[in-house]
Each structure stands twice: as C-alpha cells, then as structure tokens.
Amino acid sequence: MNTQKIAITIPHDIVAMIDDMSRQRKVSRSKLISMILRERLMNERDRHLKDSYDRVFSDAAIIKEQLETAGWLEGAGNKVGQEW
C-alpha cells in the first residue's frame, strides 16, 4: 500500500485515547488512525451516495416513471426464457 507521512496536531486527551486503543488492539498509532479514518470516510461516502439516491428517487416524476416502466416490463410478454 502506498503511504504518505503527514503531520497533524491532536489534543493531548485524544492522543491518550489513541495510545490506549492502539495498545489494546496491538497496532501502531499510525495504523489505528488510518483504520479509524478509513472507516469514517467510507461511512461518509456511503451516506452521501444514499442521500443522493434518496433525493433522486423521492422525485414524484421519477417515481411515476419507475412504476410505469416496471408495469411495462411486467406485461412485456412471455416470462419463459427471461433470465431477469
């Protein structure tokens, strides 16, 4: 994995918590901070994606179109041989 060294300023109480947790998990400070940041950033990305999806599919015109398309596909003929 490519890494990059950075310098950040963290309050003493947070450093103490990081040190305690890194000892408990038997990982370095750097590894622990990277793990926590990765999880937080991925959660934020997923939340943003869900919010975007919800915003699009809460539009009444899109809901109507989706229902009409689903109805058309449902009545599009013989289901034998359709794999979807």
Protein backbone atom coordinates (compact mmCIF):
# COMPACT_ATOMS: atom_id res chain seq x y z
CA MET A 1 0.00 0.00 0.00
CA ASN A 2 1.32 3.46 -0.86
CA THR A 3 1.52 5.68 2.18
CA GLN A 4 2.35 9.29 2.83
CA LYS A 5 3.63 10.79 6.03
CA ILE A 6 1.75 13.84 7.30
CA ALA A 7 1.96 15.94 10.44
CA ILE A 8 -1.21 16.78 12.37
CA THR A 9 -1.89 18.41 15.71
CA ILE A 10 -4.12 16.44 18.07
CA PRO A 11 -5.24 17.42 21.58
CA HIS A 12 -3.49 15.53 24.40
CA ASP A 13 -6.67 13.80 25.60
CA ILE A 14 -7.28 12.37 22.12
CA VAL A 15 -3.65 11.19 21.89
CA ALA A 16 -4.10 9.39 25.21
CA MET A 17 -7.21 7.65 23.88
CA ILE A 18 -5.39 6.72 20.67
CA ASP A 19 -2.48 5.32 22.66
CA ASP A 20 -4.79 3.27 24.91
CA MET A 21 -6.73 1.88 22.00
CA SER A 22 -3.63 1.13 19.91
CA ARG A 23 -2.13 -0.80 22.84
CA GLN A 24 -5.35 -2.77 23.31
CA ARG A 25 -5.53 -3.63 19.61
CA LYS A 26 -1.76 -4.17 19.35
CA VAL A 27 -1.38 -1.83 16.38
CA SER A 28 0.65 1.32 15.92
CA ARG A 29 -0.83 4.79 16.36
CA SER A 30 -0.49 5.32 12.65
CA LYS A 31 -2.32 2.10 11.80
CA LEU A 32 -5.12 2.82 14.27
CA ILE A 33 -5.62 6.38 13.00
CA SER A 34 -5.61 5.12 9.40
CA MET A 35 -8.19 2.43 10.23
CA ILE A 36 -10.46 4.92 12.00
CA LEU A 37 -10.17 7.48 9.19
CA ARG A 38 -10.82 4.85 6.51
CA GLU A 39 -13.97 3.65 8.29
CA ARG A 40 -15.22 7.20 8.83
CA LEU A 41 -14.54 8.26 5.24
CA MET A 42 -16.20 5.16 3.80
CA ASN A 43 -19.26 5.70 6.02
CA GLU A 44 -19.42 9.32 4.87
CA ARG A 45 -19.11 8.26 1.22
CA ASP A 46 -21.88 5.67 1.66
CA ARG A 47 -24.13 8.19 3.42
CA HIS A 48 -23.59 10.70 0.62
CA LEU A 49 -24.40 8.06 -2.01
CA LYS A 50 -27.58 7.02 -0.14
CA ASP A 51 -28.66 10.65 0.27
CA SER A 52 -28.14 11.24 -3.47
CA TYR A 53 -30.09 8.10 -4.35
CA ASP A 54 -32.91 9.03 -1.95
CA ARG A 55 -33.05 12.57 -3.36
CA VAL A 56 -33.38 11.31 -6.95
CA PHE A 57 -35.93 8.63 -6.19
CA SER A 58 -38.09 10.89 -4.00
CA ASP A 59 -38.93 12.96 -7.09
CA ALA A 60 -42.59 12.30 -7.97
CA ALA A 61 -41.94 12.30 -11.73
CA ILE A 62 -39.18 9.69 -11.37
CA ILE A 63 -41.35 7.53 -9.09
CA LYS A 64 -44.14 7.64 -11.68
CA GLU A 65 -41.73 6.76 -14.49
CA GLN A 66 -40.23 3.87 -12.50
CA LEU A 67 -43.69 2.44 -11.73
CA GLU A 68 -44.75 2.75 -15.38
CA THR A 69 -41.54 1.09 -16.57
CA ALA A 70 -41.93 -1.73 -14.05
CA GLY A 71 -45.52 -2.26 -15.19
CA TRP A 72 -44.47 -2.30 -18.84
CA LEU A 73 -41.69 -4.81 -18.14
CA GLU A 74 -44.06 -6.99 -16.13
CA GLY A 75 -46.50 -7.15 -19.04
CA ALA A 76 -43.84 -7.39 -21.77
CA GLY A 77 -44.77 -10.87 -22.83
CA ASN A 78 -43.82 -14.41 -22.06
CA LYS A 79 -41.66 -14.84 -18.99
CA VAL A 80 -40.34 -18.19 -20.21
CA GLY A 81 -36.67 -17.82 -21.10
CA GLN A 82 -36.25 -14.41 -19.47
CA GLU A 83 -33.32 -14.51 -17.10
CA TRP A 84 -34.04 -11.20 -15.47
